[in-house]
Amino acid sequence: MVARAARATDLADVDAAVSDCFACPRLVRWREEVARTRRAAFRDQEYWGRPVPGFGTGEARIAILGLAPAAHGGNRTGRIFTGDRSGDVLFAALHRAGLANQPTSIAADDGLTVRDLRIFSAVRCAPPDNKPTPLERDTCAPWLHREVALIRPTLRVVVALGAFAWAAWWPVLRAVYGQPPPSPRPAFGHGAHWSGTDAPDLLGCYHVSQQNTFTGRLTPGMLDDIFGQAKRLAGVD
């Protein structure tokens, strides 16, 4: 898979190769089982049931790094953060920030566009219980590394949604930027900010999961502050 990722010459190549990946047997079984059985509310829909590629512009100044697609969200629709409650929260915030043209993301053909932004996840397949293993994260890492390498000329800020995504970023420094990760590694927290040399700034943000948004751990105002900071750091109007 490392070789396949390295051969991708543009984002379209990466997206196509990601969508045809079968590297992690447990994730392949799960994503396909979910696509076959389906949730009752979506029984008449055909699920994507494959790895979910990134979404957004190839000239992104801001990137959002998530954990993995949702079983009945991205795994159903084929687009990251699309068709689930986490996406409802995320794209509403991006719309308020002027980074998305609409506040909803319900299907891959719903007309959603983003500006100055690329969205991807550390693991590209929906995992059981929303918990990929460290081995699955590391196996999937070449896709993330290649995608970041392709948007490197413009990328200025990465927003990591949750501790898993925060941890997944540090190997990117070595693989893409030729820099050793900081030691000790900065701790994840909402609003945590790491700034390196010749690499994008990293911002921590609580994940837009229902567990966080329904309990008030993550509020719309907190998201607005994070994306406002990301825009300032990236020089996005």
C-alpha atoms as a PDB file:
ATOM      1  CA  MET A   1       0.000   0.000   0.000  1.00  0.00           C
ATOM      2  CA  VAL A   2       2.905   2.359   0.624  1.00  0.00           C
ATOM      3  CA  ALA A   3       3.905   1.934  -3.020  1.00  0.00           C
ATOM      4  CA  ARG A   4       0.337   2.539  -4.229  1.00  0.00           C
ATOM      5  CA  ALA A   5       0.110   5.741  -2.224  1.00  0.00           C
ATOM      6  CA  ALA A   6       3.495   6.947  -3.451  1.00  0.00           C
ATOM      7  CA  ARG A   7       2.491   6.393  -7.083  1.00  0.00           C
ATOM      8  CA  ALA A   8      -0.515   8.719  -6.786  1.00  0.00           C
ATOM      9  CA  THR A   9       0.333  11.883  -8.687  1.00  0.00           C
ATOM     10  CA  ASP A  10      -2.678  13.976  -7.704  1.00  0.00           C
ATOM     11  CA  LEU A  11      -5.640  13.930  -5.335  1.00  0.00           C
ATOM     12  CA  ALA A  12      -7.860  12.181  -7.856  1.00  0.00           C
ATOM     13  CA  ASP A  13      -5.344   9.329  -7.985  1.00  0.00           C
ATOM     14  CA  VAL A  14      -5.241   9.165  -4.185  1.00  0.00           C
ATOM     15  CA  ASP A  15      -9.015   9.157  -3.929  1.00  0.00           C
ATOM     16  CA  ALA A  16      -9.367   6.371  -6.487  1.00  0.00           C
ATOM     17  CA  ALA A  17      -6.659   4.245  -4.852  1.00  0.00           C
ATOM     18  CA  VAL A  18      -8.067   4.780  -1.348  1.00  0.00           C
ATOM     19  CA  SER A  19     -11.505   3.666  -2.518  1.00  0.00           C
ATOM     20  CA  ASP A  20     -10.048   0.374  -3.731  1.00  0.00           C
ATOM     21  CA  CYS A  21      -8.051  -0.516  -0.601  1.00  0.00           C
ATOM     22  CA  PHE A  22      -8.457  -3.914   1.099  1.00  0.00           C
ATOM     23  CA  ALA A  23      -5.423  -3.779   3.401  1.00  0.00           C
ATOM     24  CA  CYS A  24      -7.156  -4.305   6.775  1.00  0.00           C
ATOM     25  CA  PRO A  25      -9.225  -7.535   6.917  1.00  0.00           C
ATOM     26  CA  ARG A  26     -11.216  -6.606  10.035  1.00  0.00           C
ATOM     27  CA  LEU A  27     -12.233  -3.247   8.561  1.00  0.00           C
ATOM     28  CA  VAL A  28     -13.092  -4.768   5.183  1.00  0.00           C
ATOM     29  CA  ARG A  29     -15.386  -7.315   6.857  1.00  0.00           C
ATOM     30  CA  TRP A  30     -17.086  -4.673   8.968  1.00  0.00           C
ATOM     31  CA  ARG A  31     -17.642  -2.039   6.277  1.00  0.00           C
ATOM     32  CA  GLU A  32     -19.097  -4.680   3.933  1.00  0.00           C
ATOM     33  CA  GLU A  33     -21.279  -6.234   6.624  1.00  0.00           C
ATOM     34  CA  VAL A  34     -22.747  -2.828   7.476  1.00  0.00           C
ATOM     35  CA  ALA A  35     -23.361  -2.157   3.782  1.00  0.00           C
ATOM     36  CA  ARG A  36     -25.220  -5.459   3.437  1.00  0.00           C
ATOM     37  CA  THR A  37     -27.352  -5.308   6.570  1.00  0.00           C
ATOM     38  CA  ARG A  38     -28.005  -1.537   6.562  1.00  0.00           C
ATOM     39  CA  ARG A  39     -29.820   0.494   9.165  1.00  0.00           C
ATOM     40  CA  ALA A  40     -33.608   0.359   8.996  1.00  0.00           C
ATOM     41  CA  ALA A  41     -33.873   4.053   8.170  1.00  0.00           C
ATOM     42  CA  PHE A  42     -31.663   3.518   5.112  1.00  0.00           C
ATOM     43  CA  ARG A  43     -32.822   0.060   4.030  1.00  0.00           C
ATOM     44  CA  ASP A  44     -33.733   1.290   0.531  1.00  0.00           C
ATOM     45  CA  GLN A  45     -30.354   2.932  -0.063  1.00  0.00           C
ATOM     46  CA  GLU A  46     -27.268   1.385  -1.599  1.00  0.00           C
ATOM     47  CA  TYR A  47     -24.345   1.814   0.791  1.00  0.00           C
ATOM     48  CA  TRP A  48     -20.903   2.876  -0.404  1.00  0.00           C
ATOM     49  CA  GLY A  49     -19.289   0.167   1.775  1.00  0.00           C
ATOM     50  CA  ARG A  50     -15.699   1.056   0.832  1.00  0.00           C
ATOM     51  CA  PRO A  51     -12.894   3.257   2.176  1.00  0.00           C
ATOM     52  CA  VAL A  52     -13.892   6.922   2.165  1.00  0.00           C
ATOM     53  CA  PRO A  53     -11.532   9.359   0.410  1.00  0.00           C
ATOM     54  CA  GLY A  54     -10.847  12.930   1.438  1.00  0.00           C
ATOM     55  CA  PHE A  55     -13.000  15.839   0.341  1.00  0.00           C
ATOM     56  CA  GLY A  56     -12.173  19.405  -0.587  1.00  0.00           C
ATOM     57  CA  THR A  57      -9.788  21.515  -2.588  1.00  0.00           C
ATOM     58  CA  GLY A  58      -6.274  20.622  -3.647  1.00  0.00           C
ATOM     59  CA  GLU A  59      -5.149  24.116  -2.670  1.00  0.00           C
ATOM     60  CA  ALA A  60      -6.346  23.925   0.915  1.00  0.00           C
ATOM     61  CA  ARG A  61      -4.854  26.202   3.519  1.00  0.00           C
ATOM     62  CA  ILE A  62      -6.790  24.448   6.295  1.00  0.00           C
ATOM     63  CA  ALA A  63      -7.179  20.695   6.779  1.00  0.00           C
ATOM     64  CA  ILE A  64      -9.536  18.884   9.133  1.00  0.00           C
ATOM     65  CA  LEU A  65      -8.280  15.507  10.315  1.00  0.00           C
ATOM     66  CA  GLY A  66     -10.890  13.145  11.744  1.00  0.00           C
ATOM     67  CA  LEU A  67     -10.792   9.646  13.198  1.00  0.00           C
ATOM     68  CA  ALA A  68     -12.643   7.414  10.699  1.00  0.00           C
ATOM     69  CA  PRO A  69     -15.898   7.358   8.688  1.00  0.00           C
ATOM     70  CA  ALA A  70     -19.148   6.583  10.465  1.00  0.00           C
ATOM     71  CA  ALA A  71     -20.721   3.204   9.693  1.00  0.00           C
ATOM     72  CA  HIS A  72     -24.008   4.753   8.529  1.00  0.00           C
ATOM     73  CA  GLY A  73     -22.542   8.123   7.539  1.00  0.00           C
ATOM     74  CA  GLY A  74     -19.524   8.155   5.244  1.00  0.00           C
ATOM     75  CA  ASN A  75     -19.646   4.375   4.855  1.00  0.00           C
ATOM     76  CA  ARG A  76     -23.172   4.823   3.493  1.00  0.00           C
ATOM     77  CA  THR A  77     -22.813   8.004   1.434  1.00  0.00           C
ATOM     78  CA  GLY A  78     -19.197   7.716   0.276  1.00  0.00           C
ATOM     79  CA  ARG A  79     -18.249  11.191   1.492  1.00  0.00           C
ATOM     80  CA  ILE A  80     -16.476  12.026   4.722  1.00  0.00           C
ATOM     81  CA  PHE A  81     -18.723  13.383   7.529  1.00  0.00           C
ATOM     82  CA  THR A  82     -21.772  13.137   5.266  1.00  0.00           C
ATOM     83  CA  GLY A  83     -25.094  11.707   6.356  1.00  0.00           C
ATOM     84  CA  ASP A  84     -24.565  11.538  10.127  1.00  0.00           C
ATOM     85  CA  ARG A  85     -25.030  13.799  13.141  1.00  0.00           C
ATOM     86  CA  SER A  86     -21.321  14.532  13.468  1.00  0.00           C
ATOM     87  CA  GLY A  87     -21.388  15.911   9.949  1.00  0.00           C
ATOM     88  CA  ASP A  88     -24.474  17.972  10.764  1.00  0.00           C
ATOM     89  CA  VAL A  89     -22.517  19.723  13.507  1.00  0.00           C
ATOM     90  CA  LEU A  90     -19.286  20.048  11.548  1.00  0.00           C
ATOM     91  CA  PHE A  91     -20.704  21.480   8.335  1.00  0.00           C
ATOM     92  CA  ALA A  92     -23.000  23.868  10.178  1.00  0.00           C
ATOM     93  CA  ALA A  93     -19.877  25.266  11.866  1.00  0.00           C
ATOM     94  CA  LEU A  94     -17.946  25.387   8.595  1.00  0.00           C
ATOM     95  CA  HIS A  95     -20.831  27.262   6.987  1.00  0.00           C
ATOM     96  CA  ARG A  96     -20.852  29.790   9.812  1.00  0.00           C
ATOM     97  CA  ALA A  97     -17.110  30.205   9.310  1.00  0.00           C
ATOM     98  CA  GLY A  98     -17.565  30.830   5.594  1.00  0.00           C
ATOM     99  CA  LEU A  99     -15.680  27.642   4.657  1.00  0.00           C
ATOM    100  CA  ALA A 100     -18.685  25.726   3.270  1.00  0.00           C
ATOM    101  CA  ASN A 101     -21.418  26.908   0.917  1.00  0.00           C
ATOM    102  CA  GLN A 102     -24.225  25.237   2.880  1.00  0.00           C
ATOM    103  CA  PRO A 103     -24.786  24.105   6.482  1.00  0.00           C
ATOM    104  CA  THR A 104     -25.843  20.539   5.692  1.00  0.00           C
ATOM    105  CA  SER A 105     -24.158  17.470   4.244  1.00  0.00           C
ATOM    106  CA  ILE A 106     -26.629  14.685   3.549  1.00  0.00           C
ATOM    107  CA  ALA A 107     -25.440  12.988   0.336  1.00  0.00           C
ATOM    108  CA  ALA A 108     -22.449  13.012  -1.974  1.00  0.00           C
ATOM    109  CA  ASP A 109     -24.477  14.789  -4.667  1.00  0.00           C
ATOM    110  CA  ASP A 110     -26.103  17.445  -2.465  1.00  0.00           C
ATOM    111  CA  GLY A 111     -24.145  20.367  -3.940  1.00  0.00           C
ATOM    112  CA  LEU A 112     -21.821  20.906  -0.969  1.00  0.00           C
ATOM    113  CA  THR A 113     -18.565  22.698  -1.700  1.00  0.00           C
ATOM    114  CA  VAL A 114     -15.836  24.000   0.593  1.00  0.00           C
ATOM    115  CA  ARG A 115     -13.175  26.653   0.146  1.00  0.00           C
ATOM    116  CA  ASP A 116      -9.567  26.725   1.352  1.00  0.00           C
ATOM    117  CA  LEU A 117     -10.286  23.377   3.007  1.00  0.00           C
ATOM    118  CA  ARG A 118      -9.544  19.653   2.777  1.00  0.00           C
ATOM    119  CA  ILE A 119     -11.187  17.084   5.068  1.00  0.00           C
ATOM    120  CA  PHE A 120      -9.835  13.567   5.629  1.00  0.00           C
ATOM    121  CA  SER A 121      -9.494  10.940   8.325  1.00  0.00           C
ATOM    122  CA  ALA A 122      -6.660   9.000   9.892  1.00  0.00           C
ATOM    123  CA  VAL A 123      -8.410   5.705   9.065  1.00  0.00           C
ATOM    124  CA  ARG A 124     -10.412   5.530   5.856  1.00  0.00           C
ATOM    125  CA  CYS A 125     -12.790   2.639   6.677  1.00  0.00           C
ATOM    126  CA  ALA A 126     -15.579   2.577   9.239  1.00  0.00           C
ATOM    127  CA  PRO A 127     -14.336   0.548  12.248  1.00  0.00           C
ATOM    128  CA  PRO A 128     -16.405  -1.585  14.636  1.00  0.00           C
ATOM    129  CA  ASP A 129     -17.521   0.469  17.649  1.00  0.00           C
ATOM    130  CA  ASN A 130     -15.829   3.456  15.983  1.00  0.00           C
ATOM    131  CA  LYS A 131     -12.504   2.211  17.364  1.00  0.00           C
ATOM    132  CA  PRO A 132      -9.726   1.442  14.878  1.00  0.00           C
ATOM    133  CA  THR A 133      -6.664  -0.320  16.229  1.00  0.00           C
ATOM    134  CA  PRO A 134      -3.183   1.229  16.251  1.00  0.00           C
ATOM    135  CA  LEU A 135      -2.167  -1.274  13.560  1.00  0.00           C
ATOM    136  CA  GLU A 136      -5.076  -0.184  11.353  1.00  0.00           C
ATOM    137  CA  ARG A 137      -4.129   3.453  11.871  1.00  0.00           C
ATOM    138  CA  ASP A 138      -0.525   2.738  10.900  1.00  0.00           C
ATOM    139  CA  THR A 139      -1.546   0.629   7.903  1.00  0.00           C
ATOM    140  CA  CYS A 140      -3.734   3.454   6.641  1.00  0.00           C
ATOM    141  CA  ALA A 141      -1.129   6.160   7.308  1.00  0.00           C
ATOM    142  CA  PRO A 142       0.444   6.176   3.801  1.00  0.00           C
ATOM    143  CA  TRP A 143      -2.809   7.515   2.362  1.00  0.00           C
ATOM    144  CA  LEU A 144      -2.789  10.395   4.844  1.00  0.00           C
ATOM    145  CA  HIS A 145       0.886  11.077   4.217  1.00  0.00           C
ATOM    146  CA  ARG A 146       0.449  11.195   0.442  1.00  0.00           C
ATOM    147  CA  GLU A 147      -2.635  13.394   0.642  1.00  0.00           C
ATOM    148  CA  VAL A 148      -0.855  15.885   2.899  1.00  0.00           C
ATOM    149  CA  ALA A 149       2.187  15.833   0.603  1.00  0.00           C
ATOM    150  CA  LEU A 150      -0.009  16.824  -2.340  1.00  0.00           C
ATOM    151  CA  ILE A 151      -1.540  19.815  -0.533  1.00  0.00           C
ATOM    152  CA  ARG A 152       1.682  20.736   1.275  1.00  0.00           C
ATOM    153  CA  PRO A 153       2.411  23.851  -0.844  1.00  0.00           C
ATOM    154  CA  THR A 154      -0.653  25.660   0.493  1.00  0.00           C
ATOM    155  CA  LEU A 155      -1.425  23.895   3.801  1.00  0.00           C
ATOM    156  CA  ARG A 156      -1.008  26.140   6.849  1.00  0.00           C
ATOM    157  CA  VAL A 157      -3.224  24.706   9.603  1.00  0.00           C
ATOM    158  CA  VAL A 158      -4.492  21.254  10.589  1.00  0.00           C
ATOM    159  CA  VAL A 159      -7.452  20.904  12.950  1.00  0.00           C
ATOM    160  CA  ALA A 160      -7.315  17.513  14.679  1.00  0.00           C
ATOM    161  CA  LEU A 161     -10.743  16.306  15.795  1.00  0.00           C
ATOM    162  CA  GLY A 162     -10.002  14.291  18.920  1.00  0.00           C
ATOM    163  CA  ALA A 163      -6.991  12.646  20.521  1.00  0.00           C
ATOM    164  CA  PHE A 164      -6.769   9.851  17.940  1.00  0.00           C
ATOM    165  CA  ALA A 165      -6.396  12.317  15.071  1.00  0.00           C
ATOM    166  CA  TRP A 166      -3.978  14.435  17.148  1.00  0.00           C
ATOM    167  CA  ALA A 167      -1.734  11.382  17.642  1.00  0.00           C
ATOM    168  CA  ALA A 168      -2.023  10.431  13.966  1.00  0.00           C
ATOM    169  CA  TRP A 169      -0.559  13.771  12.902  1.00  0.00           C
ATOM    170  CA  TRP A 170       2.915  13.371  14.432  1.00  0.00           C
ATOM    171  CA  PRO A 171       4.161  10.676  11.998  1.00  0.00           C
ATOM    172  CA  VAL A 172       3.171  13.024   9.166  1.00  0.00           C
ATOM    173  CA  LEU A 173       5.885  15.421  10.274  1.00  0.00           C
ATOM    174  CA  ARG A 174       8.582  12.857   9.591  1.00  0.00           C
ATOM    175  CA  ALA A 175       7.011  11.285   6.499  1.00  0.00           C
ATOM    176  CA  VAL A 176       6.074  14.500   4.688  1.00  0.00           C
ATOM    177  CA  TYR A 177       8.126  17.297   6.232  1.00  0.00           C
ATOM    178  CA  GLY A 178      11.271  15.386   7.167  1.00  0.00           C
ATOM    179  CA  GLN A 179      11.024  16.530  10.770  1.00  0.00           C
ATOM    180  CA  PRO A 180      11.118  14.424  13.931  1.00  0.00           C
ATOM    181  CA  PRO A 181       7.971  14.680  16.039  1.00  0.00           C
ATOM    182  CA  PRO A 182       8.371  16.887  19.114  1.00  0.00           C
ATOM    183  CA  SER A 183       9.538  15.179  22.280  1.00  0.00           C
ATOM    184  CA  PRO A 184       7.677  14.996  24.528  1.00  0.00           C
ATOM    185  CA  ARG A 185       4.598  14.998  22.323  1.00  0.00           C
ATOM    186  CA  PRO A 186       2.254  17.902  23.111  1.00  0.00           C
ATOM    187  CA  ALA A 187      -0.856  16.737  24.951  1.00  0.00           C
ATOM    188  CA  PHE A 188      -4.195  16.838  23.168  1.00  0.00           C
ATOM    189  CA  GLY A 189      -6.862  19.176  24.454  1.00  0.00           C
ATOM    190  CA  HIS A 190      -9.560  21.381  23.042  1.00  0.00           C
ATOM    191  CA  GLY A 191      -7.800  24.531  21.924  1.00  0.00           C
ATOM    192  CA  ALA A 192      -4.326  22.984  22.165  1.00  0.00           C
ATOM    193  CA  HIS A 193      -1.979  24.653  19.678  1.00  0.00           C
ATOM    194  CA  TRP A 194       1.363  23.421  18.401  1.00  0.00           C
ATOM    195  CA  SER A 195       3.464  25.466  16.030  1.00  0.00           C
ATOM    196  CA  GLY A 196       6.526  24.020  14.323  1.00  0.00           C
ATOM    197  CA  THR A 197       9.024  25.185  11.731  1.00  0.00           C
ATOM    198  CA  ASP A 198       8.183  24.744   8.051  1.00  0.00           C
ATOM    199  CA  ALA A 199       5.134  22.650   8.939  1.00  0.00           C
ATOM    200  CA  PRO A 200       1.463  23.487   9.472  1.00  0.00           C
ATOM    201  CA  ASP A 201       0.188  24.647  12.834  1.00  0.00           C
ATOM    202  CA  LEU A 202      -1.817  22.003  14.667  1.00  0.00           C
ATOM    203  CA  LEU A 203      -5.015  22.845  16.552  1.00  0.00           C
ATOM    204  CA  GLY A 204      -6.838  20.420  18.841  1.00  0.00           C
ATOM    205  CA  CYS A 205     -10.615  20.276  18.848  1.00  0.00           C
ATOM    206  CA  TYR A 206     -12.974  17.920  20.627  1.00  0.00           C
ATOM    207  CA  HIS A 207     -14.517  15.536  18.125  1.00  0.00           C
ATOM    208  CA  VAL A 208     -17.918  16.504  16.740  1.00  0.00           C
ATOM    209  CA  SER A 209     -19.417  13.229  17.985  1.00  0.00           C
ATOM    210  CA  GLN A 210     -22.833  13.028  19.591  1.00  0.00           C
ATOM    211  CA  GLN A 211     -21.135  12.031  22.819  1.00  0.00           C
ATOM    212  CA  ASN A 212     -19.506  15.459  22.928  1.00  0.00           C
ATOM    213  CA  THR A 213     -22.176  17.649  21.343  1.00  0.00           C
ATOM    214  CA  PHE A 214     -25.215  16.180  23.121  1.00  0.00           C
ATOM    215  CA  THR A 215     -23.551  16.523  26.520  1.00  0.00           C
ATOM    216  CA  GLY A 216     -22.393  20.086  25.926  1.00  0.00           C
ATOM    217  CA  ARG A 217     -18.724  19.184  26.115  1.00  0.00           C
ATOM    218  CA  LEU A 218     -18.426  20.712  22.649  1.00  0.00           C
ATOM    219  CA  THR A 219     -20.667  23.673  21.871  1.00  0.00           C
ATOM    220  CA  PRO A 220     -21.226  25.617  18.642  1.00  0.00           C
ATOM    221  CA  GLY A 221     -19.374  28.552  20.163  1.00  0.00           C
ATOM    222  CA  MET A 222     -16.351  26.385  20.902  1.00  0.00           C
ATOM    223  CA  LEU A 223     -16.293  25.196  17.295  1.00  0.00           C
ATOM    224  CA  ASP A 224     -16.640  28.758  16.035  1.00  0.00           C
ATOM    225  CA  ASP A 225     -13.621  29.780  18.106  1.00  0.00           C
ATOM    226  CA  ILE A 226     -11.500  26.929  16.704  1.00  0.00           C
ATOM    227  CA  PHE A 227     -12.353  27.643  13.079  1.00  0.00           C
ATOM    228  CA  GLY A 228     -11.915  31.364  13.622  1.00  0.00           C
ATOM    229  CA  GLN A 229      -8.437  30.698  14.974  1.00  0.00           C
ATOM    230  CA  ALA A 230      -7.675  28.326  12.098  1.00  0.00           C
ATOM    231  CA  LYS A 231      -8.675  30.974   9.576  1.00  0.00           C
ATOM    232  CA  ARG A 232      -6.491  33.620  11.232  1.00  0.00           C
ATOM    233  CA  LEU A 233      -3.474  31.313  11.336  1.00  0.00           C
ATOM    234  CA  ALA A 234      -4.017  30.266   7.716  1.00  0.00           C
ATOM    235  CA  GLY A 235      -4.607  33.779   6.433  1.00  0.00           C
ATOM    236  CA  VAL A 236      -8.094  32.955   5.193  1.00  0.00           C
ATOM    237  CA  ASP A 237     -10.531  35.849   4.970  1.00  0.00           C
END
